[in-house]
Amino acid sequence: MSKIGKFLAAIAFLAVTFAGYAQSPLKFGHVDFAKLYSEMPGQDSIKKEYETYAQGLQNQMTTMQAELENKYLDYQANQATWSNIIRQTKEKEIQDIQGRLEEFNTQAQQDLRDKEDALTAPLIEKARKAVEDVARENGYTYVFNSTEGLLLYAAPSDDIMPLVKKKLGIK
């Protein structure tokens, strides 16, 4: 009997212990991630590098457009004097330039998106890491991004923006 009694006592103790852990309160927090990101140091250098890259692409586009315009003007001015084979060759040349221009434009837009992602990813990761660290250090169970507005209702939560900004050294 004493073995069964000890066993039941141990099970009761474990049940009470686990129930205490299971009932620990959840702690919710929120942060305006977009605002946090916009206030992080390094935005100016990212913007400058992005604009420089975009300007380089724009310069190339302008050069290609000028080439197309010059070929077209030459075609208009001289088509009456050219033989049929030369006129067809010039038309094909203009179409090829137009095609390259369209391809360049499409690729430039993709390159700009990729460049923006490459430039902003380290800063975004740094902000995410700071939010994660602050949440762990302060015992938050969940932290919501208040920018997204995905929650329709939530019990009052703490805005951890000041803690994350302090962690990142933002005043």
Protein backbone atom coordinates (compact mmCIF):
# COMPACT_ATOMS: atom_id res chain seq x y z
CA MET A 1 0.00 0.00 0.00
CA SER A 2 2.76 2.42 0.80
CA LYS A 3 4.21 2.06 -2.71
CA ILE A 4 0.82 2.84 -4.28
CA GLY A 5 0.35 5.80 -1.94
CA LYS A 6 3.80 7.19 -2.83
CA PHE A 7 3.11 6.66 -6.52
CA LEU A 8 -0.24 8.49 -6.32
CA ALA A 9 1.35 11.30 -4.32
CA ALA A 10 4.09 11.68 -6.95
CA ILE A 11 1.52 11.77 -9.74
CA ALA A 12 -0.55 14.35 -7.86
CA PHE A 13 2.59 16.47 -7.31
CA LEU A 14 3.52 16.31 -11.00
CA ALA A 15 -0.04 17.15 -12.05
CA VAL A 16 -0.10 20.22 -9.82
CA THR A 17 3.35 21.29 -11.03
CA PHE A 18 2.44 20.95 -14.72
CA ALA A 19 -0.89 22.67 -14.18
CA GLY A 20 0.98 25.61 -12.65
CA TYR A 21 3.18 25.88 -15.73
CA ALA A 22 0.27 25.47 -18.10
CA GLN A 23 -1.59 28.34 -16.47
CA SER A 24 1.25 30.85 -16.65
CA PRO A 25 -0.14 34.07 -18.10
CA LEU A 26 0.45 34.93 -21.70
CA LYS A 27 2.12 38.27 -22.29
CA PHE A 28 1.29 40.13 -25.48
CA GLY A 29 3.09 43.06 -27.03
CA HIS A 30 2.92 45.03 -30.23
CA VAL A 31 5.25 47.17 -32.25
CA ASP A 32 4.75 49.36 -35.32
CA PHE A 33 7.39 47.63 -37.42
CA ALA A 34 7.14 50.06 -40.34
CA LYS A 35 7.73 53.01 -38.03
CA LEU A 36 10.58 51.20 -36.30
CA TYR A 37 12.19 50.42 -39.66
CA SER A 38 11.81 54.01 -40.88
CA GLU A 39 13.57 55.33 -37.78
CA MET A 40 16.53 52.99 -37.94
CA PRO A 41 19.93 54.49 -38.75
CA GLY A 42 21.25 53.69 -42.22
CA GLN A 43 18.17 54.71 -44.19
CA ASP A 44 20.00 57.61 -45.86
CA SER A 45 22.81 55.43 -47.20
CA ILE A 46 20.32 52.83 -48.43
CA LYS A 47 18.30 55.51 -50.21
CA LYS A 48 21.40 57.06 -51.76
CA GLU A 49 22.75 53.74 -53.02
CA TYR A 50 19.35 52.79 -54.44
CA GLU A 51 18.97 56.15 -56.20
CA THR A 52 22.48 55.89 -57.66
CA TYR A 53 21.70 52.42 -58.99
CA ALA A 54 18.35 53.56 -60.39
CA GLN A 55 19.99 56.58 -62.06
CA GLY A 56 22.51 54.29 -63.77
CA LEU A 57 19.68 52.20 -65.18
CA GLN A 58 17.82 55.35 -66.25
CA ASN A 59 20.92 56.64 -68.03
CA GLN A 60 21.25 53.38 -69.95
CA MET A 61 17.55 53.52 -70.85
CA THR A 62 17.94 57.10 -72.10
CA THR A 63 20.92 56.07 -74.25
CA MET A 64 18.94 53.22 -75.78
CA GLN A 65 15.94 55.47 -76.43
CA ALA A 66 18.21 58.02 -78.13
CA GLU A 67 19.63 55.26 -80.34
CA LEU A 68 16.10 54.17 -81.29
CA GLU A 69 15.05 57.74 -82.04
CA ASN A 70 18.14 58.37 -84.20
CA LYS A 71 17.58 55.15 -86.19
CA TYR A 72 13.92 56.05 -86.67
CA LEU A 73 14.70 59.61 -87.79
CA ASP A 74 17.33 58.28 -90.22
CA TYR A 75 14.78 55.78 -91.51
CA GLN A 76 12.13 58.48 -92.05
CA ALA A 77 14.58 60.80 -93.78
CA ASN A 78 16.10 58.22 -96.13
CA GLN A 79 13.54 55.47 -96.71
CA ALA A 80 12.47 56.88 -100.07
CA THR A 81 16.02 56.64 -101.43
CA TRP A 82 16.82 53.16 -100.10
CA SER A 83 16.31 49.95 -101.96
CA ASN A 84 13.79 47.48 -100.66
CA ILE A 85 16.41 45.26 -98.99
CA ILE A 86 18.04 48.20 -97.17
CA ARG A 87 14.64 49.51 -96.02
CA GLN A 88 13.72 46.04 -94.66
CA THR A 89 17.08 45.77 -92.93
CA LYS A 90 16.61 49.19 -91.30
CA GLU A 91 13.05 48.29 -90.23
CA LYS A 92 14.34 45.05 -88.68
CA GLU A 93 17.07 47.01 -86.93
CA ILE A 94 14.52 49.43 -85.45
CA GLN A 95 12.31 46.54 -84.30
CA ASP A 96 15.32 44.85 -82.69
CA ILE A 97 16.18 48.01 -80.79
CA GLN A 98 12.56 48.36 -79.65
CA GLY A 99 12.60 44.76 -78.44
CA ARG A 100 15.88 45.26 -76.57
CA LEU A 101 14.48 48.43 -75.03
CA GLU A 102 11.37 46.61 -73.80
CA GLU A 103 13.48 43.72 -72.43
CA PHE A 104 15.82 46.17 -70.73
CA ASN A 105 12.89 48.00 -69.14
CA THR A 106 11.41 44.76 -67.79
CA GLN A 107 14.78 43.58 -66.49
CA ALA A 108 15.55 47.01 -65.00
CA GLN A 109 12.33 46.94 -62.99
CA GLN A 110 13.21 43.48 -61.64
CA ASP A 111 16.78 44.61 -60.91
CA LEU A 112 15.46 47.61 -58.97
CA ARG A 113 13.24 45.36 -56.85
CA ASP A 114 16.16 42.98 -56.24
CA LYS A 115 18.48 45.88 -55.35
CA GLU A 116 15.93 47.28 -52.89
CA ASP A 117 15.53 43.85 -51.29
CA ALA A 118 19.30 43.39 -51.04
CA LEU A 119 19.77 46.83 -49.48
CA THR A 120 16.91 46.62 -46.98
CA ALA A 121 17.21 42.95 -45.93
CA PRO A 122 20.06 43.46 -43.43
CA LEU A 123 18.26 46.36 -41.74
CA ILE A 124 14.98 44.44 -41.60
CA GLU A 125 16.76 41.43 -40.13
CA LYS A 126 18.45 43.63 -37.53
CA ALA A 127 15.07 45.07 -36.51
CA ARG A 128 13.48 41.60 -36.33
CA LYS A 129 16.34 40.35 -34.20
CA ALA A 130 15.94 43.30 -31.82
CA VAL A 131 12.20 42.64 -31.50
CA GLU A 132 12.91 38.97 -30.83
CA ASP A 133 15.58 39.80 -28.23
CA VAL A 134 13.34 42.32 -26.45
CA ALA A 135 10.46 39.83 -26.43
CA ARG A 136 12.64 37.13 -24.89
CA GLU A 137 14.28 39.49 -22.38
CA ASN A 138 10.92 40.84 -21.21
CA GLY A 139 8.95 37.58 -21.21
CA TYR A 140 6.55 38.33 -24.08
CA THR A 141 4.71 35.33 -25.42
CA TYR A 142 3.53 37.09 -28.57
CA VAL A 143 4.42 40.35 -30.28
CA PHE A 144 2.19 41.62 -33.03
CA ASN A 145 3.03 43.96 -35.86
CA SER A 146 0.57 46.79 -35.30
CA THR A 147 1.29 48.15 -38.80
CA GLU A 148 -0.52 45.28 -40.49
CA GLY A 149 -3.78 45.80 -38.62
CA LEU A 150 -4.60 42.11 -38.84
CA LEU A 151 -6.12 41.85 -35.37
CA LEU A 152 -9.74 42.79 -35.04
CA TYR A 153 -9.65 42.57 -31.26
CA ALA A 154 -6.95 41.97 -28.75
CA ALA A 155 -6.71 42.48 -25.05
CA PRO A 156 -4.59 45.50 -24.19
CA SER A 157 -0.96 44.84 -24.85
CA ASP A 158 2.27 46.65 -24.25
CA ASP A 159 3.87 48.73 -26.98
CA ILE A 160 7.45 47.55 -26.93
CA MET A 161 8.63 50.17 -29.45
CA PRO A 162 10.63 52.10 -26.81
CA LEU A 163 12.39 48.93 -25.68
CA VAL A 164 13.27 47.88 -29.24
CA LYS A 165 14.46 51.40 -30.11
CA LYS A 166 16.62 51.39 -26.99
CA LYS A 167 18.04 48.01 -28.01
CA LEU A 168 18.93 49.44 -31.44
CA GLY A 169 20.25 52.71 -29.99
CA ILE A 170 17.53 54.81 -31.62
CA LYS A 171 16.45 57.90 -29.73
